[in-house]
């Protein structure tokens, strides 16, 4: 996933170690959350289904070709598209 071994080492070192129970918990969703403008930034095919769901909800969807954690590979491009999604 990372062509630069130093970047990979840095990302691995910064990852929090969370217990399985963290991922199993149910997070309550407040009423009315979905009446706010939302956007979705798609990097690649593994995220096609969530991007389709976002479109169905009326969200703006942008595609930046890449893979998982692409924001580390192309932080400037990712930031540019995120800004475009927030002002457009």
PDB file of N, CA and C in Angstrom:
ATOM      1  N   UNK A   1       0.816  -1.190   0.000  1.00  0.00           N
ATOM      2  CA  UNK A   1       0.000   0.000   0.000  1.00  0.00           C
ATOM      3  C   UNK A   1       0.867   1.265   0.000  1.00  0.00           C
ATOM      4  N   UNK A   2       2.062   1.172   0.559  1.00  0.00           N
ATOM      5  CA  UNK A   2       2.947   2.334   0.615  1.00  0.00           C
ATOM      6  C   UNK A   2       4.233   2.033  -0.146  1.00  0.00           C
ATOM      7  N   UNK A   3       4.565   2.889  -1.082  1.00  0.00           N
ATOM      8  CA  UNK A   3       5.809   2.701  -1.812  1.00  0.00           C
ATOM      9  C   UNK A   3       7.008   3.164  -0.991  1.00  0.00           C
ATOM     10  N   UNK A   4       6.772   4.007  -0.008  1.00  0.00           N
ATOM     11  CA  UNK A   4       7.836   4.536   0.840  1.00  0.00           C
ATOM     12  C   UNK A   4       7.825   3.799   2.185  1.00  0.00           C
ATOM     13  N   UNK A   5       8.840   2.983   2.482  1.00  0.00           N
ATOM     14  CA  UNK A   5       8.861   2.235   3.743  1.00  0.00           C
ATOM     15  C   UNK A   5       8.836   3.125   4.984  1.00  0.00           C
ATOM     16  N   UNK A   6       9.435   4.309   4.893  1.00  0.00           N
ATOM     17  CA  UNK A   6       9.428   5.219   6.044  1.00  0.00           C
ATOM     18  C   UNK A   6       8.017   5.729   6.324  1.00  0.00           C
ATOM     19  N   UNK A   7       7.254   6.036   5.263  1.00  0.00           N
ATOM     20  CA  UNK A   7       5.876   6.477   5.454  1.00  0.00           C
ATOM     21  C   UNK A   7       5.046   5.355   6.072  1.00  0.00           C
ATOM     22  N   UNK A   8       5.230   4.133   5.582  1.00  0.00           N
ATOM     23  CA  UNK A   8       4.497   2.989   6.136  1.00  0.00           C
ATOM     24  C   UNK A   8       4.799   2.842   7.627  1.00  0.00           C
ATOM     25  N   UNK A   9       6.066   2.919   7.988  1.00  0.00           N
ATOM     26  CA  UNK A   9       6.463   2.795   9.388  1.00  0.00           C
ATOM     27  C   UNK A   9       5.818   3.899  10.235  1.00  0.00           C
ATOM     28  N   UNK A  10       5.777   5.101   9.712  1.00  0.00           N
ATOM     29  CA  UNK A  10       5.173   6.223  10.442  1.00  0.00           C
ATOM     30  C   UNK A  10       3.678   5.997  10.652  1.00  0.00           C
ATOM     31  N   UNK A  11       2.977   5.546   9.607  1.00  0.00           N
ATOM     32  CA  UNK A  11       1.538   5.299   9.715  1.00  0.00           C
ATOM     33  C   UNK A  11       1.263   4.184  10.719  1.00  0.00           C
ATOM     34  N   UNK A  12       2.010   3.105  10.632  1.00  0.00           N
ATOM     35  CA  UNK A  12       1.818   1.977  11.564  1.00  0.00           C
ATOM     36  C   UNK A  12       2.066   2.433  12.997  1.00  0.00           C
ATOM     37  N   UNK A  13       3.103   3.216  13.215  1.00  0.00           N
ATOM     38  CA  UNK A  13       3.429   3.681  14.567  1.00  0.00           C
ATOM     39  C   UNK A  13       2.341   4.588  15.149  1.00  0.00           C
ATOM     40  N   UNK A  14       1.629   5.323  14.288  1.00  0.00           N
ATOM     41  CA  UNK A  14       0.607   6.259  14.765  1.00  0.00           C
ATOM     42  C   UNK A  14      -0.783   5.633  14.905  1.00  0.00           C
ATOM     43  N   UNK A  15      -0.937   4.382  14.462  1.00  0.00           N
ATOM     44  CA  UNK A  15      -2.256   3.744  14.541  1.00  0.00           C
ATOM     45  C   UNK A  15      -2.611   3.447  15.988  1.00  0.00           C
ATOM     46  N   UNK A  16      -3.810   3.840  16.398  1.00  0.00           N
ATOM     47  CA  UNK A  16      -4.224   3.488  17.757  1.00  0.00           C
ATOM     48  C   UNK A  16      -4.530   1.990  17.842  1.00  0.00           C
ATOM     49  N   UNK A  17      -4.282   1.414  18.966  1.00  0.00           N
ATOM     50  CA  UNK A  17      -4.618   0.017  19.213  1.00  0.00           C
ATOM     51  C   UNK A  17      -5.914   0.010  20.014  1.00  0.00           C
ATOM     52  N   UNK A  18      -6.989  -0.375  19.356  1.00  0.00           N
ATOM     53  CA  UNK A  18      -8.308  -0.332  19.979  1.00  0.00           C
ATOM     54  C   UNK A  18      -8.833  -1.739  20.220  1.00  0.00           C
ATOM     55  N   UNK A  19      -9.563  -1.947  21.310  1.00  0.00           N
ATOM     56  CA  UNK A  19     -10.124  -3.271  21.570  1.00  0.00           C
ATOM     57  C   UNK A  19     -11.258  -3.576  20.590  1.00  0.00           C
ATOM     58  N   UNK A  20     -11.527  -4.851  20.379  1.00  0.00           N
ATOM     59  CA  UNK A  20     -12.591  -5.271  19.476  1.00  0.00           C
ATOM     60  C   UNK A  20     -13.922  -4.641  19.869  1.00  0.00           C
ATOM     61  N   UNK A  21     -14.168  -4.472  21.150  1.00  0.00           N
ATOM     62  CA  UNK A  21     -15.441  -3.896  21.616  1.00  0.00           C
ATOM     63  C   UNK A  21     -15.679  -2.498  21.045  1.00  0.00           C
ATOM     64  N   UNK A  22     -14.623  -1.773  20.729  1.00  0.00           N
ATOM     65  CA  UNK A  22     -14.755  -0.454  20.121  1.00  0.00           C
ATOM     66  C   UNK A  22     -15.502  -0.559  18.793  1.00  0.00           C
ATOM     67  N   UNK A  23     -15.187  -1.577  18.016  1.00  0.00           N
ATOM     68  CA  UNK A  23     -15.789  -1.755  16.694  1.00  0.00           C
ATOM     69  C   UNK A  23     -17.166  -2.412  16.760  1.00  0.00           C
ATOM     70  N   UNK A  24     -17.488  -3.004  17.870  1.00  0.00           N
ATOM     71  CA  UNK A  24     -18.769  -3.687  18.023  1.00  0.00           C
ATOM     72  C   UNK A  24     -19.859  -2.791  18.612  1.00  0.00           C
ATOM     73  N   UNK A  25     -19.497  -1.630  19.109  1.00  0.00           N
ATOM     74  CA  UNK A  25     -20.478  -0.774  19.769  1.00  0.00           C
ATOM     75  C   UNK A  25     -21.427  -0.121  18.766  1.00  0.00           C
ATOM     76  N   UNK A  26     -22.618   0.161  19.228  1.00  0.00           N
ATOM     77  CA  UNK A  26     -23.633   0.841  18.426  1.00  0.00           C
ATOM     78  C   UNK A  26     -23.580   2.328  18.760  1.00  0.00           C
ATOM     79  N   UNK A  27     -23.399   3.138  17.751  1.00  0.00           N
ATOM     80  CA  UNK A  27     -23.336   4.591  17.941  1.00  0.00           C
ATOM     81  C   UNK A  27     -24.703   5.168  17.594  1.00  0.00           C
ATOM     82  N   UNK A  28     -25.365   5.816  18.543  1.00  0.00           N
ATOM     83  CA  UNK A  28     -26.669   6.393  18.237  1.00  0.00           C
ATOM     84  C   UNK A  28     -26.545   7.545  17.230  1.00  0.00           C
ATOM     85  N   UNK A  29     -27.494   7.606  16.332  1.00  0.00           N
ATOM     86  CA  UNK A  29     -27.516   8.658  15.327  1.00  0.00           C
ATOM     87  C   UNK A  29     -28.591   9.669  15.726  1.00  0.00           C
ATOM     88  N   UNK A  30     -28.203  10.921  15.919  1.00  0.00           N
ATOM     89  CA  UNK A  30     -29.180  11.931  16.326  1.00  0.00           C
ATOM     90  C   UNK A  30     -30.230  12.177  15.240  1.00  0.00           C
ATOM     91  N   UNK A  31     -31.460  12.424  15.656  1.00  0.00           N
ATOM     92  CA  UNK A  31     -32.507  12.770  14.702  1.00  0.00           C
ATOM     93  C   UNK A  31     -32.118  14.042  13.956  1.00  0.00           C
ATOM     94  N   UNK A  32     -32.425  14.053  12.664  1.00  0.00           N
ATOM     95  CA  UNK A  32     -32.193  15.239  11.856  1.00  0.00           C
ATOM     96  C   UNK A  32     -30.788  15.401  11.322  1.00  0.00           C
ATOM     97  N   UNK A  33     -29.901  14.436  11.605  1.00  0.00           N
ATOM     98  CA  UNK A  33     -28.521  14.597  11.144  1.00  0.00           C
ATOM     99  C   UNK A  33     -28.442  14.685   9.622  1.00  0.00           C
ATOM    100  N   UNK A  34     -29.344  13.993   8.936  1.00  0.00           N
ATOM    101  CA  UNK A  34     -29.221  13.897   7.489  1.00  0.00           C
ATOM    102  C   UNK A  34     -29.866  15.057   6.732  1.00  0.00           C
ATOM    103  N   UNK A  35     -30.298  16.082   7.444  1.00  0.00           N
ATOM    104  CA  UNK A  35     -30.810  17.249   6.729  1.00  0.00           C
ATOM    105  C   UNK A  35     -29.701  18.281   6.489  1.00  0.00           C
ATOM    106  N   UNK A  36     -28.481  17.946   6.873  1.00  0.00           N
ATOM    107  CA  UNK A  36     -27.329  18.814   6.648  1.00  0.00           C
ATOM    108  C   UNK A  36     -26.644  18.401   5.339  1.00  0.00           C
ATOM    109  N   UNK A  37     -26.065  19.355   4.625  1.00  0.00           N
ATOM    110  CA  UNK A  37     -25.349  18.996   3.395  1.00  0.00           C
ATOM    111  C   UNK A  37     -24.176  18.061   3.710  1.00  0.00           C
ATOM    112  N   UNK A  38     -24.038  17.024   2.913  1.00  0.00           N
ATOM    113  CA  UNK A  38     -22.959  16.054   3.094  1.00  0.00           C
ATOM    114  C   UNK A  38     -22.296  15.774   1.759  1.00  0.00           C
ATOM    115  N   UNK A  39     -21.093  15.243   1.827  1.00  0.00           N
ATOM    116  CA  UNK A  39     -20.344  14.886   0.630  1.00  0.00           C
ATOM    117  C   UNK A  39     -19.591  13.594   0.885  1.00  0.00           C
ATOM    118  N   UNK A  40     -19.149  12.972  -0.205  1.00  0.00           N
ATOM    119  CA  UNK A  40     -18.393  11.718  -0.117  1.00  0.00           C
ATOM    120  C   UNK A  40     -17.248  11.772  -1.120  1.00  0.00           C
ATOM    121  N   UNK A  41     -16.043  11.489  -0.657  1.00  0.00           N
ATOM    122  CA  UNK A  41     -14.884  11.443  -1.532  1.00  0.00           C
ATOM    123  C   UNK A  41     -14.501   9.983  -1.737  1.00  0.00           C
ATOM    124  N   UNK A  42     -14.581   9.551  -2.980  1.00  0.00           N
ATOM    125  CA  UNK A  42     -14.342   8.168  -3.372  1.00  0.00           C
ATOM    126  C   UNK A  42     -12.925   8.033  -3.912  1.00  0.00           C
ATOM    127  N   UNK A  43     -12.177   7.052  -3.395  1.00  0.00           N
ATOM    128  CA  UNK A  43     -10.825   6.800  -3.896  1.00  0.00           C
ATOM    129  C   UNK A  43     -10.793   5.680  -4.924  1.00  0.00           C
ATOM    130  N   UNK A  44     -11.576   4.632  -4.741  1.00  0.00           N
ATOM    131  CA  UNK A  44     -11.490   3.516  -5.674  1.00  0.00           C
ATOM    132  C   UNK A  44     -12.613   2.519  -5.535  1.00  0.00           C
ATOM    133  N   UNK A  45     -12.588   1.478  -6.359  1.00  0.00           N
ATOM    134  CA  UNK A  45     -13.679   0.501  -6.456  1.00  0.00           C
ATOM    135  C   UNK A  45     -14.151  -0.119  -5.136  1.00  0.00           C
ATOM    136  N   UNK A  46     -13.301  -0.352  -4.152  1.00  0.00           N
ATOM    137  CA  UNK A  46     -13.865  -0.928  -2.925  1.00  0.00           C
ATOM    138  C   UNK A  46     -14.940  -0.039  -2.285  1.00  0.00           C
ATOM    139  N   UNK A  47     -14.983   1.235  -2.675  1.00  0.00           N
ATOM    140  CA  UNK A  47     -15.908   2.189  -2.066  1.00  0.00           C
ATOM    141  C   UNK A  47     -17.052   2.577  -3.000  1.00  0.00           C
ATOM    142  N   UNK A  48     -17.241   1.826  -4.078  1.00  0.00           N
ATOM    143  CA  UNK A  48     -18.319   2.129  -5.027  1.00  0.00           C
ATOM    144  C   UNK A  48     -19.699   2.058  -4.373  1.00  0.00           C
ATOM    145  N   UNK A  49     -19.930   1.043  -3.553  1.00  0.00           N
ATOM    146  CA  UNK A  49     -21.249   0.908  -2.918  1.00  0.00           C
ATOM    147  C   UNK A  49     -21.557   2.065  -1.970  1.00  0.00           C
ATOM    148  N   UNK A  50     -20.633   2.424  -1.064  1.00  0.00           N
ATOM    149  CA  UNK A  50     -20.925   3.595  -0.224  1.00  0.00           C
ATOM    150  C   UNK A  50     -21.100   4.870  -1.042  1.00  0.00           C
ATOM    151  N   UNK A  51     -20.353   5.016  -2.149  1.00  0.00           N
ATOM    152  CA  UNK A  51     -20.507   6.205  -2.998  1.00  0.00           C
ATOM    153  C   UNK A  51     -21.886   6.214  -3.643  1.00  0.00           C
ATOM    154  N   UNK A  52     -22.368   5.055  -4.082  1.00  0.00           N
ATOM    155  CA  UNK A  52     -23.717   4.966  -4.659  1.00  0.00           C
ATOM    156  C   UNK A  52     -24.771   5.329  -3.623  1.00  0.00           C
ATOM    157  N   UNK A  53     -24.590   4.844  -2.402  1.00  0.00           N
ATOM    158  CA  UNK A  53     -25.532   5.180  -1.330  1.00  0.00           C
ATOM    159  C   UNK A  53     -25.515   6.681  -1.066  1.00  0.00           C
ATOM    160  N   UNK A  54     -24.338   7.274  -1.088  1.00  0.00           N
ATOM    161  CA  UNK A  54     -24.227   8.722  -0.880  1.00  0.00           C
ATOM    162  C   UNK A  54     -24.975   9.474  -1.982  1.00  0.00           C
ATOM    163  N   UNK A  55     -24.816   9.043  -3.229  1.00  0.00           N
ATOM    164  CA  UNK A  55     -25.539   9.687  -4.340  1.00  0.00           C
ATOM    165  C   UNK A  55     -27.046   9.567  -4.155  1.00  0.00           C
ATOM    166  N   UNK A  56     -27.503   8.379  -3.732  1.00  0.00           N
ATOM    167  CA  UNK A  56     -28.935   8.166  -3.499  1.00  0.00           C
ATOM    168  C   UNK A  56     -29.465   9.086  -2.409  1.00  0.00           C
ATOM    169  N   UNK A  57     -28.632   9.443  -1.456  1.00  0.00           N
ATOM    170  CA  UNK A  57     -29.025  10.359  -0.381  1.00  0.00           C
ATOM    171  C   UNK A  57     -28.977  11.820  -0.837  1.00  0.00           C
ATOM    172  N   UNK A  58     -28.485  12.039  -2.058  1.00  0.00           N
ATOM    173  CA  UNK A  58     -28.386  13.403  -2.571  1.00  0.00           C
ATOM    174  C   UNK A  58     -27.089  14.095  -2.212  1.00  0.00           C
ATOM    175  N   UNK A  59     -26.125  13.339  -1.739  1.00  0.00           N
ATOM    176  CA  UNK A  59     -24.837  13.918  -1.390  1.00  0.00           C
ATOM    177  C   UNK A  59     -24.023  14.182  -2.646  1.00  0.00           C
ATOM    178  N   UNK A  60     -23.145  15.177  -2.575  1.00  0.00           N
ATOM    179  CA  UNK A  60     -22.166  15.398  -3.637  1.00  0.00           C
ATOM    180  C   UNK A  60     -21.101  14.320  -3.504  1.00  0.00           C
ATOM    181  N   UNK A  61     -20.714  13.735  -4.629  1.00  0.00           N
ATOM    182  CA  UNK A  61     -19.690  12.685  -4.637  1.00  0.00           C
ATOM    183  C   UNK A  61     -18.591  13.080  -5.610  1.00  0.00           C
ATOM    184  N   UNK A  62     -17.353  13.004  -5.155  1.00  0.00           N
ATOM    185  CA  UNK A  62     -16.197  13.258  -6.012  1.00  0.00           C
ATOM    186  C   UNK A  62     -15.328  12.010  -6.023  1.00  0.00           C
ATOM    187  N   UNK A  63     -14.599  11.815  -7.118  1.00  0.00           N
ATOM    188  CA  UNK A  63     -13.729  10.651  -7.248  1.00  0.00           C
ATOM    189  C   UNK A  63     -12.296  11.108  -7.459  1.00  0.00           C
ATOM    190  N   UNK A  64     -11.426  10.653  -6.598  1.00  0.00           N
ATOM    191  CA  UNK A  64      -9.988  10.870  -6.730  1.00  0.00           C
ATOM    192  C   UNK A  64      -9.371   9.485  -6.869  1.00  0.00           C
ATOM    193  N   UNK A  65      -8.974   9.086  -8.076  1.00  0.00           N
ATOM    194  CA  UNK A  65      -8.459   7.733  -8.264  1.00  0.00           C
ATOM    195  C   UNK A  65      -7.293   7.433  -7.320  1.00  0.00           C
ATOM    196  N   UNK A  66      -7.456   6.373  -6.567  1.00  0.00           N
ATOM    197  CA  UNK A  66      -6.426   5.971  -5.614  1.00  0.00           C
ATOM    198  C   UNK A  66      -6.852   4.724  -4.882  1.00  0.00           C
ATOM    199  N   UNK A  67      -6.165   4.421  -3.807  1.00  0.00           N
ATOM    200  CA  UNK A  67      -6.440   3.245  -2.997  1.00  0.00           C
ATOM    201  C   UNK A  67      -6.709   3.676  -1.556  1.00  0.00           C
ATOM    202  N   UNK A  68      -6.915   2.701  -0.714  1.00  0.00           N
ATOM    203  CA  UNK A  68      -7.151   2.953   0.706  1.00  0.00           C
ATOM    204  C   UNK A  68      -6.013   3.815   1.257  1.00  0.00           C
ATOM    205  N   UNK A  69      -6.340   4.794   2.058  1.00  0.00           N
ATOM    206  CA  UNK A  69      -5.378   5.734   2.640  1.00  0.00           C
ATOM    207  C   UNK A  69      -4.699   6.614   1.590  1.00  0.00           C
ATOM    208  N   UNK A  70      -5.384   6.857   0.492  1.00  0.00           N
ATOM    209  CA  UNK A  70      -4.815   7.681  -0.576  1.00  0.00           C
ATOM    210  C   UNK A  70      -4.501   9.096  -0.082  1.00  0.00           C
ATOM    211  N   UNK A  71      -5.168   9.534   0.971  1.00  0.00           N
ATOM    212  CA  UNK A  71      -4.899  10.871   1.512  1.00  0.00           C
ATOM    213  C   UNK A  71      -3.454  10.997   1.984  1.00  0.00           C
ATOM    214  N   UNK A  72      -2.793   9.882   2.264  1.00  0.00           N
ATOM    215  CA  UNK A  72      -1.385   9.923   2.661  1.00  0.00           C
ATOM    216  C   UNK A  72      -0.494  10.029   1.426  1.00  0.00           C
ATOM    217  N   UNK A  73      -0.919   9.392   0.338  1.00  0.00           N
ATOM    218  CA  UNK A  73      -0.162   9.411  -0.907  1.00  0.00           C
ATOM    219  C   UNK A  73      -0.288  10.766  -1.605  1.00  0.00           C
ATOM    220  N   UNK A  74      -1.493  11.338  -1.562  1.00  0.00           N
ATOM    221  CA  UNK A  74      -1.757  12.598  -2.260  1.00  0.00           C
ATOM    222  C   UNK A  74      -2.526  13.558  -1.343  1.00  0.00           C
ATOM    223  N   UNK A  75      -1.868  14.059  -0.301  1.00  0.00           N
ATOM    224  CA  UNK A  75      -2.577  14.931   0.630  1.00  0.00           C
ATOM    225  C   UNK A  75      -3.074  16.224  -0.013  1.00  0.00           C
ATOM    226  N   UNK A  76      -2.308  16.795  -0.936  1.00  0.00           N
ATOM    227  CA  UNK A  76      -2.730  18.048  -1.582  1.00  0.00           C
ATOM    228  C   UNK A  76      -3.964  17.822  -2.453  1.00  0.00           C
ATOM    229  N   UNK A  77      -3.963  16.769  -3.251  1.00  0.00           N
ATOM    230  CA  UNK A  77      -5.116  16.462  -4.097  1.00  0.00           C
ATOM    231  C   UNK A  77      -6.353  16.148  -3.281  1.00  0.00           C
ATOM    232  N   UNK A  78      -6.157  15.412  -2.193  1.00  0.00           N
ATOM    233  CA  UNK A  78      -7.273  15.071  -1.306  1.00  0.00           C
ATOM    234  C   UNK A  78      -7.850  16.341  -0.677  1.00  0.00           C
ATOM    235  N   UNK A  79      -6.992  17.199  -0.174  1.00  0.00           N
ATOM    236  CA  UNK A  79      -7.451  18.447   0.450  1.00  0.00           C
ATOM    237  C   UNK A  79      -8.188  19.322  -0.566  1.00  0.00           C
ATOM    238  N   UNK A  80      -7.648  19.396  -1.788  1.00  0.00           N
ATOM    239  CA  UNK A  80      -8.290  20.213  -2.816  1.00  0.00           C
ATOM    240  C   UNK A  80      -9.714  19.737  -3.085  1.00  0.00           C
ATOM    241  N   UNK A  81      -9.884  18.425  -3.257  1.00  0.00           N
ATOM    242  CA  UNK A  81     -11.229  17.915  -3.530  1.00  0.00           C
ATOM    243  C   UNK A  81     -12.149  18.062  -2.327  1.00  0.00           C
ATOM    244  N   UNK A  82     -11.639  17.877  -1.122  1.00  0.00           N
ATOM    245  CA  UNK A  82     -12.470  18.072   0.061  1.00  0.00           C
ATOM    246  C   UNK A  82     -12.949  19.517   0.156  1.00  0.00           C
ATOM    247  N   UNK A  83     -12.066  20.452  -0.147  1.00  0.00           N
ATOM    248  CA  UNK A  83     -12.474  21.865  -0.138  1.00  0.00           C
ATOM    249  C   UNK A  83     -13.515  22.136  -1.214  1.00  0.00           C
ATOM    250  N   UNK A  84     -13.334  21.561  -2.406  1.00  0.00           N
ATOM    251  CA  UNK A  84     -14.322  21.737  -3.469  1.00  0.00           C
ATOM    252  C   UNK A  84     -15.685  21.183  -3.045  1.00  0.00           C
ATOM    253  N   UNK A  85     -15.681  20.057  -2.329  1.00  0.00           N
ATOM    254  CA  UNK A  85     -16.937  19.466  -1.875  1.00  0.00           C
ATOM    255  C   UNK A  85     -17.636  20.324  -0.822  1.00  0.00           C
ATOM    256  N   UNK A  86     -16.862  21.082  -0.049  1.00  0.00           N
ATOM    257  CA  UNK A  86     -17.479  21.879   1.011  1.00  0.00           C
ATOM    258  C   UNK A  86     -18.002  23.221   0.528  1.00  0.00           C
ATOM    259  N   UNK A  87     -17.451  23.747  -0.556  1.00  0.00           N
ATOM    260  CA  UNK A  87     -17.887  25.053  -1.034  1.00  0.00           C
ATOM    261  C   UNK A  87     -18.792  24.982  -2.237  1.00  0.00           C
ATOM    262  N   UNK A  88     -18.856  23.838  -2.868  1.00  0.00           N
ATOM    263  CA  UNK A  88     -19.631  23.730  -4.095  1.00  0.00           C
ATOM    264  C   UNK A  88     -21.047  23.515  -3.819  1.00  0.00           C
TER     265      UNK A  88
END
